[in-house]
Structures are given as C-alpha cells and as structure tokens.
Amino acid sequence: MDLHNNMEFELSGNFIPNISNSDRLKIIEISSDSVVIQMNNSKRRGIFPLDSFQYWIKRRSLIFIGQEKKTS
C-alpha cells in the first residue's frame, strides 16, 4: 500500500501503541524513513519508523479507511 498524508486508519484491538484509547489515526506527514500520525482522541502526535508502520498494517492492526467507508 502506498501511504500518503491524510490517510486514515481504524485501530484494531491488537495495536499495542494505542495509549490514548483511540479508534482511529491519521497520517500527518511521511518521509522516506518515518510516518508522523495523530490519534483521534489525542492532540499529541506520534512518529513511527516507516517499516514499523507498514508492519502494523500487514498485521491488520491498522485498517485503512477508504473514501467509500468515510462517506457512508
């Protein structure tokens, strides 16, 4: 999956870094080696190594919210 700014993800129960008990996160910024995110229940931002973030997606701990789901 190609990641880009403003992508949103639902969090499954096995997303261990979920310290704010959020149900969603949004990508704020992406570089060649890191991803900056914002949890929906927190004003703070987090940063992940890019490969770690992709690992959470592959484990289905982060589930992409497609445009069709956000509008329904």
PDB file of N, CA and C in Angstrom:
ATOM      1  N   MET A   1       0.855  -1.179   0.000  1.00  0.00           N
ATOM      2  CA  MET A   1       0.000   0.000   0.000  1.00  0.00           C
ATOM      3  C   MET A   1       0.897   1.236   0.000  1.00  0.00           C
ATOM      4  N   ASP A   2       0.627   2.144  -0.912  1.00  0.00           N
ATOM      5  CA  ASP A   2       1.335   3.419  -0.923  1.00  0.00           C
ATOM      6  C   ASP A   2       0.691   4.336   0.104  1.00  0.00           C
ATOM      7  N   LEU A   3       1.488   4.827   1.018  1.00  0.00           N
ATOM      8  CA  LEU A   3       0.981   5.705   2.069  1.00  0.00           C
ATOM      9  C   LEU A   3       1.097   7.156   1.639  1.00  0.00           C
ATOM     10  N   HIS A   4       0.143   7.966   2.085  1.00  0.00           N
ATOM     11  CA  HIS A   4       0.200   9.398   1.809  1.00  0.00           C
ATOM     12  C   HIS A   4      -0.464  10.171   2.940  1.00  0.00           C
ATOM     13  N   ASN A   5      -0.201  11.472   2.974  1.00  0.00           N
ATOM     14  CA  ASN A   5      -0.774  12.329   4.018  1.00  0.00           C
ATOM     15  C   ASN A   5      -2.292  12.247   4.013  1.00  0.00           C
ATOM     16  N   ASN A   6      -2.871  12.403   5.174  1.00  0.00           N
ATOM     17  CA  ASN A   6      -4.313  12.418   5.420  1.00  0.00           C
ATOM     18  C   ASN A   6      -4.996  11.060   5.306  1.00  0.00           C
ATOM     19  N   MET A   7      -4.247   9.989   5.075  1.00  0.00           N
ATOM     20  CA  MET A   7      -4.863   8.661   5.102  1.00  0.00           C
ATOM     21  C   MET A   7      -5.321   8.398   6.533  1.00  0.00           C
ATOM     22  N   GLU A   8      -6.472   7.755   6.666  1.00  0.00           N
ATOM     23  CA  GLU A   8      -6.984   7.425   7.989  1.00  0.00           C
ATOM     24  C   GLU A   8      -7.084   5.916   8.142  1.00  0.00           C
ATOM     25  N   PHE A   9      -6.850   5.464   9.374  1.00  0.00           N
ATOM     26  CA  PHE A   9      -6.884   4.042   9.693  1.00  0.00           C
ATOM     27  C   PHE A   9      -7.700   3.812  10.950  1.00  0.00           C
ATOM     28  N   GLU A  10      -8.480   2.730  10.938  1.00  0.00           N
ATOM     29  CA  GLU A  10      -9.122   2.259  12.155  1.00  0.00           C
ATOM     30  C   GLU A  10      -8.108   1.421  12.899  1.00  0.00           C
ATOM     31  N   LEU A  11      -8.197   1.420  14.222  1.00  0.00           N
ATOM     32  CA  LEU A  11      -7.277   0.649  15.038  1.00  0.00           C
ATOM     33  C   LEU A  11      -7.974  -0.603  15.533  1.00  0.00           C
ATOM     34  N   SER A  12      -7.352  -1.748  15.336  1.00  0.00           N
ATOM     35  CA  SER A  12      -7.908  -2.968  15.906  1.00  0.00           C
ATOM     36  C   SER A  12      -7.392  -3.097  17.336  1.00  0.00           C
ATOM     37  N   GLY A  13      -7.948  -4.005  18.079  1.00  0.00           N
ATOM     38  CA  GLY A  13      -7.582  -4.170  19.480  1.00  0.00           C
ATOM     39  C   GLY A  13      -6.144  -4.582  19.719  1.00  0.00           C
ATOM     40  N   ASN A  14      -5.462  -5.063  18.690  1.00  0.00           N
ATOM     41  CA  ASN A  14      -4.092  -5.516  18.892  1.00  0.00           C
ATOM     42  C   ASN A  14      -3.048  -4.482  18.480  1.00  0.00           C
ATOM     43  N   PHE A  15      -3.445  -3.208  18.342  1.00  0.00           N
ATOM     44  CA  PHE A  15      -2.481  -2.140  18.053  1.00  0.00           C
ATOM     45  C   PHE A  15      -1.915  -1.678  19.384  1.00  0.00           C
ATOM     46  N   ILE A  16      -0.804  -2.243  19.773  1.00  0.00           N
ATOM     47  CA  ILE A  16      -0.227  -2.045  21.100  1.00  0.00           C
ATOM     48  C   ILE A  16       0.114  -0.586  21.413  1.00  0.00           C
ATOM     49  N   PRO A  17       0.602   0.230  20.448  1.00  0.00           N
ATOM     50  CA  PRO A  17       0.947   1.613  20.806  1.00  0.00           C
ATOM     51  C   PRO A  17      -0.241   2.543  21.055  1.00  0.00           C
ATOM     52  N   ASN A  18      -1.446   2.029  21.183  1.00  0.00           N
ATOM     53  CA  ASN A  18      -2.637   2.849  21.343  1.00  0.00           C
ATOM     54  C   ASN A  18      -2.809   3.302  22.794  1.00  0.00           C
ATOM     55  N   ILE A  19      -1.964   4.216  23.254  1.00  0.00           N
ATOM     56  CA  ILE A  19      -2.029   4.648  24.655  1.00  0.00           C
ATOM     57  C   ILE A  19      -3.142   5.660  24.916  1.00  0.00           C
ATOM     58  N   SER A  20      -3.710   6.255  23.878  1.00  0.00           N
ATOM     59  CA  SER A  20      -4.786   7.231  24.079  1.00  0.00           C
ATOM     60  C   SER A  20      -6.171   6.613  23.920  1.00  0.00           C
ATOM     61  N   ASN A  21      -6.235   5.290  23.767  1.00  0.00           N
ATOM     62  CA  ASN A  21      -7.506   4.587  23.578  1.00  0.00           C
ATOM     63  C   ASN A  21      -8.325   5.161  22.425  1.00  0.00           C
ATOM     64  N   SER A  22      -7.654   5.468  21.349  1.00  0.00           N
ATOM     65  CA  SER A  22      -8.308   5.995  20.150  1.00  0.00           C
ATOM     66  C   SER A  22      -8.874   4.852  19.325  1.00  0.00           C
ATOM     67  N   ASP A  23      -9.786   5.187  18.421  1.00  0.00           N
ATOM     68  CA  ASP A  23     -10.276   4.178  17.492  1.00  0.00           C
ATOM     69  C   ASP A  23      -9.812   4.455  16.065  1.00  0.00           C
ATOM     70  N   ARG A  24      -9.170   5.615  15.857  1.00  0.00           N
ATOM     71  CA  ARG A  24      -8.658   5.978  14.533  1.00  0.00           C
ATOM     72  C   ARG A  24      -7.365   6.765  14.664  1.00  0.00           C
ATOM     73  N   LEU A  25      -6.608   6.766  13.562  1.00  0.00           N
ATOM     74  CA  LEU A  25      -5.460   7.656  13.468  1.00  0.00           C
ATOM     75  C   LEU A  25      -5.368   8.174  12.042  1.00  0.00           C
ATOM     76  N   LYS A  26      -4.681   9.294  11.891  1.00  0.00           N
ATOM     77  CA  LYS A  26      -4.497   9.916  10.589  1.00  0.00           C
ATOM     78  C   LYS A  26      -3.011  10.169  10.375  1.00  0.00           C
ATOM     79  N   ILE A  27      -2.545   9.915   9.137  1.00  0.00           N
ATOM     80  CA  ILE A  27      -1.160  10.221   8.792  1.00  0.00           C
ATOM     81  C   ILE A  27      -1.053  11.725   8.561  1.00  0.00           C
ATOM     82  N   ILE A  28      -0.115  12.356   9.267  1.00  0.00           N
ATOM     83  CA  ILE A  28       0.106  13.791   9.155  1.00  0.00           C
ATOM     84  C   ILE A  28       1.233  14.091   8.177  1.00  0.00           C
ATOM     85  N   GLU A  29       2.293  13.279   8.239  1.00  0.00           N
ATOM     86  CA  GLU A  29       3.472  13.530   7.411  1.00  0.00           C
ATOM     87  C   GLU A  29       4.209  12.220   7.171  1.00  0.00           C
ATOM     88  N   ILE A  30       4.780  12.081   5.986  1.00  0.00           N
ATOM     89  CA  ILE A  30       5.555  10.894   5.642  1.00  0.00           C
ATOM     90  C   ILE A  30       6.892  11.339   5.071  1.00  0.00           C
ATOM     91  N   SER A  31       7.951  10.673   5.524  1.00  0.00           N
ATOM     92  CA  SER A  31       9.260  10.882   4.912  1.00  0.00           C
ATOM     93  C   SER A  31       9.739   9.519   4.411  1.00  0.00           C
ATOM     94  N   SER A  32      10.946   9.467   3.892  1.00  0.00           N
ATOM     95  CA  SER A  32      11.451   8.205   3.354  1.00  0.00           C
ATOM     96  C   SER A  32      11.675   7.146   4.428  1.00  0.00           C
ATOM     97  N   ASP A  33      11.746   7.570   5.696  1.00  0.00           N
ATOM     98  CA  ASP A  33      12.004   6.588   6.748  1.00  0.00           C
ATOM     99  C   ASP A  33      11.080   6.677   7.952  1.00  0.00           C
ATOM    100  N   SER A  34      10.102   7.591   7.953  1.00  0.00           N
ATOM    101  CA  SER A  34       9.210   7.695   9.108  1.00  0.00           C
ATOM    102  C   SER A  34       7.815   8.173   8.716  1.00  0.00           C
ATOM    103  N   VAL A  35       6.868   7.915   9.641  1.00  0.00           N
ATOM    104  CA  VAL A  35       5.469   8.318   9.472  1.00  0.00           C
ATOM    105  C   VAL A  35       5.056   9.051  10.744  1.00  0.00           C
ATOM    106  N   VAL A  36       4.524  10.264  10.586  1.00  0.00           N
ATOM    107  CA  VAL A  36       4.008  11.034  11.718  1.00  0.00           C
ATOM    108  C   VAL A  36       2.491  10.884  11.704  1.00  0.00           C
ATOM    109  N   ILE A  37       1.932  10.504  12.855  1.00  0.00           N
ATOM    110  CA  ILE A  37       0.492  10.251  12.946  1.00  0.00           C
ATOM    111  C   ILE A  37      -0.133  11.085  14.055  1.00  0.00           C
ATOM    112  N   GLN A  38      -1.461  11.230  13.977  1.00  0.00           N
ATOM    113  CA  GLN A  38      -2.249  11.861  15.036  1.00  0.00           C
ATOM    114  C   GLN A  38      -3.397  10.926  15.367  1.00  0.00           C
ATOM    115  N   MET A  39      -3.526  10.580  16.633  1.00  0.00           N
ATOM    116  CA  MET A  39      -4.629   9.742  17.094  1.00  0.00           C
ATOM    117  C   MET A  39      -5.867  10.629  17.247  1.00  0.00           C
ATOM    118  N   ASN A  40      -7.059  10.089  17.014  1.00  0.00           N
ATOM    119  CA  ASN A  40      -8.255  10.924  17.055  1.00  0.00           C
ATOM    120  C   ASN A  40      -8.635  11.380  18.459  1.00  0.00           C
ATOM    121  N   ASN A  41      -8.176  10.723  19.513  1.00  0.00           N
ATOM    122  CA  ASN A  41      -8.514  11.126  20.884  1.00  0.00           C
ATOM    123  C   ASN A  41      -7.376  11.847  21.581  1.00  0.00           C
ATOM    124  N   SER A  42      -6.423  12.350  20.822  1.00  0.00           N
ATOM    125  CA  SER A  42      -5.258  12.971  21.414  1.00  0.00           C
ATOM    126  C   SER A  42      -4.804  14.156  20.571  1.00  0.00           C
ATOM    127  N   LYS A  43      -4.302  15.180  21.224  1.00  0.00           N
ATOM    128  CA  LYS A  43      -3.750  16.319  20.499  1.00  0.00           C
ATOM    129  C   LYS A  43      -2.269  16.105  20.188  1.00  0.00           C
ATOM    130  N   ARG A  44      -1.695  15.050  20.738  1.00  0.00           N
ATOM    131  CA  ARG A  44      -0.287  14.751  20.517  1.00  0.00           C
ATOM    132  C   ARG A  44      -0.095  13.940  19.248  1.00  0.00           C
ATOM    133  N   ARG A  45       1.100  14.068  18.706  1.00  0.00           N
ATOM    134  CA  ARG A  45       1.455  13.308  17.517  1.00  0.00           C
ATOM    135  C   ARG A  45       2.448  12.230  17.886  1.00  0.00           C
ATOM    136  N   GLY A  46       2.477  11.182  17.089  1.00  0.00           N
ATOM    137  CA  GLY A  46       3.434  10.105  17.270  1.00  0.00           C
ATOM    138  C   GLY A  46       4.237   9.922  16.006  1.00  0.00           C
ATOM    139  N   ILE A  47       5.382   9.303  16.133  1.00  0.00           N
ATOM    140  CA  ILE A  47       6.213   9.034  14.964  1.00  0.00           C
ATOM    141  C   ILE A  47       6.629   7.574  14.986  1.00  0.00           C
ATOM    142  N   PHE A  48       6.548   6.937  13.834  1.00  0.00           N
ATOM    143  CA  PHE A  48       6.931   5.543  13.678  1.00  0.00           C
ATOM    144  C   PHE A  48       7.955   5.426  12.569  1.00  0.00           C
ATOM    145  N   PRO A  49       8.899   4.492  12.696  1.00  0.00           N
ATOM    146  CA  PRO A  49       9.711   4.161  11.529  1.00  0.00           C
ATOM    147  C   PRO A  49       8.768   3.629  10.442  1.00  0.00           C
ATOM    148  N   LEU A  50       9.034   3.938   9.205  1.00  0.00           N
ATOM    149  CA  LEU A  50       8.154   3.542   8.107  1.00  0.00           C
ATOM    150  C   LEU A  50       7.924   2.032   8.085  1.00  0.00           C
ATOM    151  N   ASP A  51       8.978   1.240   8.259  1.00  0.00           N
ATOM    152  CA  ASP A  51       8.817  -0.214   8.219  1.00  0.00           C
ATOM    153  C   ASP A  51       7.968  -0.728   9.376  1.00  0.00           C
ATOM    154  N   SER A  52       8.054  -0.094  10.526  1.00  0.00           N
ATOM    155  CA  SER A  52       7.223  -0.479  11.666  1.00  0.00           C
ATOM    156  C   SER A  52       5.747  -0.182  11.392  1.00  0.00           C
ATOM    157  N   PHE A  53       5.467   0.987  10.817  1.00  0.00           N
ATOM    158  CA  PHE A  53       4.095   1.355  10.493  1.00  0.00           C
ATOM    159  C   PHE A  53       3.504   0.363   9.483  1.00  0.00           C
ATOM    160  N   GLN A  54       4.291   0.007   8.478  1.00  0.00           N
ATOM    161  CA  GLN A  54       3.825  -0.960   7.481  1.00  0.00           C
ATOM    162  C   GLN A  54       3.605  -2.335   8.098  1.00  0.00           C
ATOM    163  N   TYR A  55       4.407  -2.682   9.099  1.00  0.00           N
ATOM    164  CA  TYR A  55       4.216  -3.941   9.827  1.00  0.00           C
ATOM    165  C   TYR A  55       2.826  -3.972  10.484  1.00  0.00           C
ATOM    166  N   TRP A  56       2.430  -2.868  11.131  1.00  0.00           N
ATOM    167  CA  TRP A  56       1.121  -2.821  11.791  1.00  0.00           C
ATOM    168  C   TRP A  56      -0.015  -2.944  10.779  1.00  0.00           C
ATOM    169  N   ILE A  57       0.182  -2.410   9.580  1.00  0.00           N
ATOM    170  CA  ILE A  57      -0.827  -2.550   8.522  1.00  0.00           C
ATOM    171  C   ILE A  57      -0.920  -4.012   8.087  1.00  0.00           C
ATOM    172  N   LYS A  58       0.215  -4.646   7.863  1.00  0.00           N
ATOM    173  CA  LYS A  58       0.222  -6.047   7.423  1.00  0.00           C
ATOM    174  C   LYS A  58      -0.402  -6.964   8.469  1.00  0.00           C
ATOM    175  N   ARG A  59      -0.251  -6.648   9.735  1.00  0.00           N
ATOM    176  CA  ARG A  59      -0.850  -7.457  10.820  1.00  0.00           C
ATOM    177  C   ARG A  59      -2.339  -7.184  10.987  1.00  0.00           C
ATOM    178  N   ARG A  60      -2.861  -6.241  10.213  1.00  0.00           N
ATOM    179  CA  ARG A  60      -4.267  -5.811  10.291  1.00  0.00           C
ATOM    180  C   ARG A  60      -4.571  -5.154  11.633  1.00  0.00           C
ATOM    181  N   SER A  61      -3.540  -4.575  12.249  1.00  0.00           N
ATOM    182  CA  SER A  61      -3.738  -3.772  13.456  1.00  0.00           C
ATOM    183  C   SER A  61      -4.181  -2.369  13.077  1.00  0.00           C
ATOM    184  N   LEU A  62      -3.801  -1.941  11.881  1.00  0.00           N
ATOM    185  CA  LEU A  62      -4.243  -0.672  11.299  1.00  0.00           C
ATOM    186  C   LEU A  62      -4.993  -1.010  10.020  1.00  0.00           C
ATOM    187  N   ILE A  63      -6.247  -0.601   9.940  1.00  0.00           N
ATOM    188  CA  ILE A  63      -7.095  -0.939   8.803  1.00  0.00           C
ATOM    189  C   ILE A  63      -7.460   0.346   8.081  1.00  0.00           C
ATOM    190  N   PHE A  64      -7.020   0.448   6.825  1.00  0.00           N
ATOM    191  CA  PHE A  64      -7.255   1.658   6.036  1.00  0.00           C
ATOM    192  C   PHE A  64      -8.741   1.931   5.904  1.00  0.00           C
ATOM    193  N   ILE A  65      -9.109   3.181   6.126  1.00  0.00           N
ATOM    194  CA  ILE A  65     -10.489   3.624   5.938  1.00  0.00           C
ATOM    195  C   ILE A  65     -10.563   4.247   4.561  1.00  0.00           C
ATOM    196  N   GLY A  66     -11.176   3.556   3.632  1.00  0.00           N
ATOM    197  CA  GLY A  66     -11.306   4.053   2.268  1.00  0.00           C
ATOM    198  C   GLY A  66     -12.334   5.155   2.184  1.00  0.00           C
ATOM    199  N   GLN A  67     -12.277   5.897   1.119  1.00  0.00           N
ATOM    200  CA  GLN A  67     -13.198   7.012   0.905  1.00  0.00           C
ATOM    201  C   GLN A  67     -14.651   6.570   0.963  1.00  0.00           C
ATOM    202  N   GLU A  68     -14.933   5.375   0.427  1.00  0.00           N
ATOM    203  CA  GLU A  68     -16.314   4.895   0.419  1.00  0.00           C
ATOM    204  C   GLU A  68     -16.830   4.642   1.826  1.00  0.00           C
ATOM    205  N   LYS A  69     -15.950   4.228   2.767  1.00  0.00           N
ATOM    206  CA  LYS A  69     -16.391   3.981   4.133  1.00  0.00           C
ATOM    207  C   LYS A  69     -16.599   5.275   4.890  1.00  0.00           C
ATOM    208  N   LYS A  70     -15.760   6.312   4.625  1.00  0.00           N
ATOM    209  CA  LYS A  70     -15.875   7.569   5.346  1.00  0.00           C
ATOM    210  C   LYS A  70     -17.160   8.306   4.991  1.00  0.00           C
ATOM    211  N   THR A  71     -17.689   8.114   3.794  1.00  0.00           N
ATOM    212  CA  THR A  71     -18.875   8.849   3.378  1.00  0.00           C
ATOM    213  C   THR A  71     -20.168   8.135   3.740  1.00  0.00           C
ATOM    214  N   SER A  72     -20.087   6.883   4.142  1.00  0.00           N
ATOM    215  CA  SER A  72     -21.335   6.165   4.462  1.00  0.00           C
ATOM    216  C   SER A  72     -21.722   6.316   5.913  1.00  0.00           C
TER     217      SER A  72
END
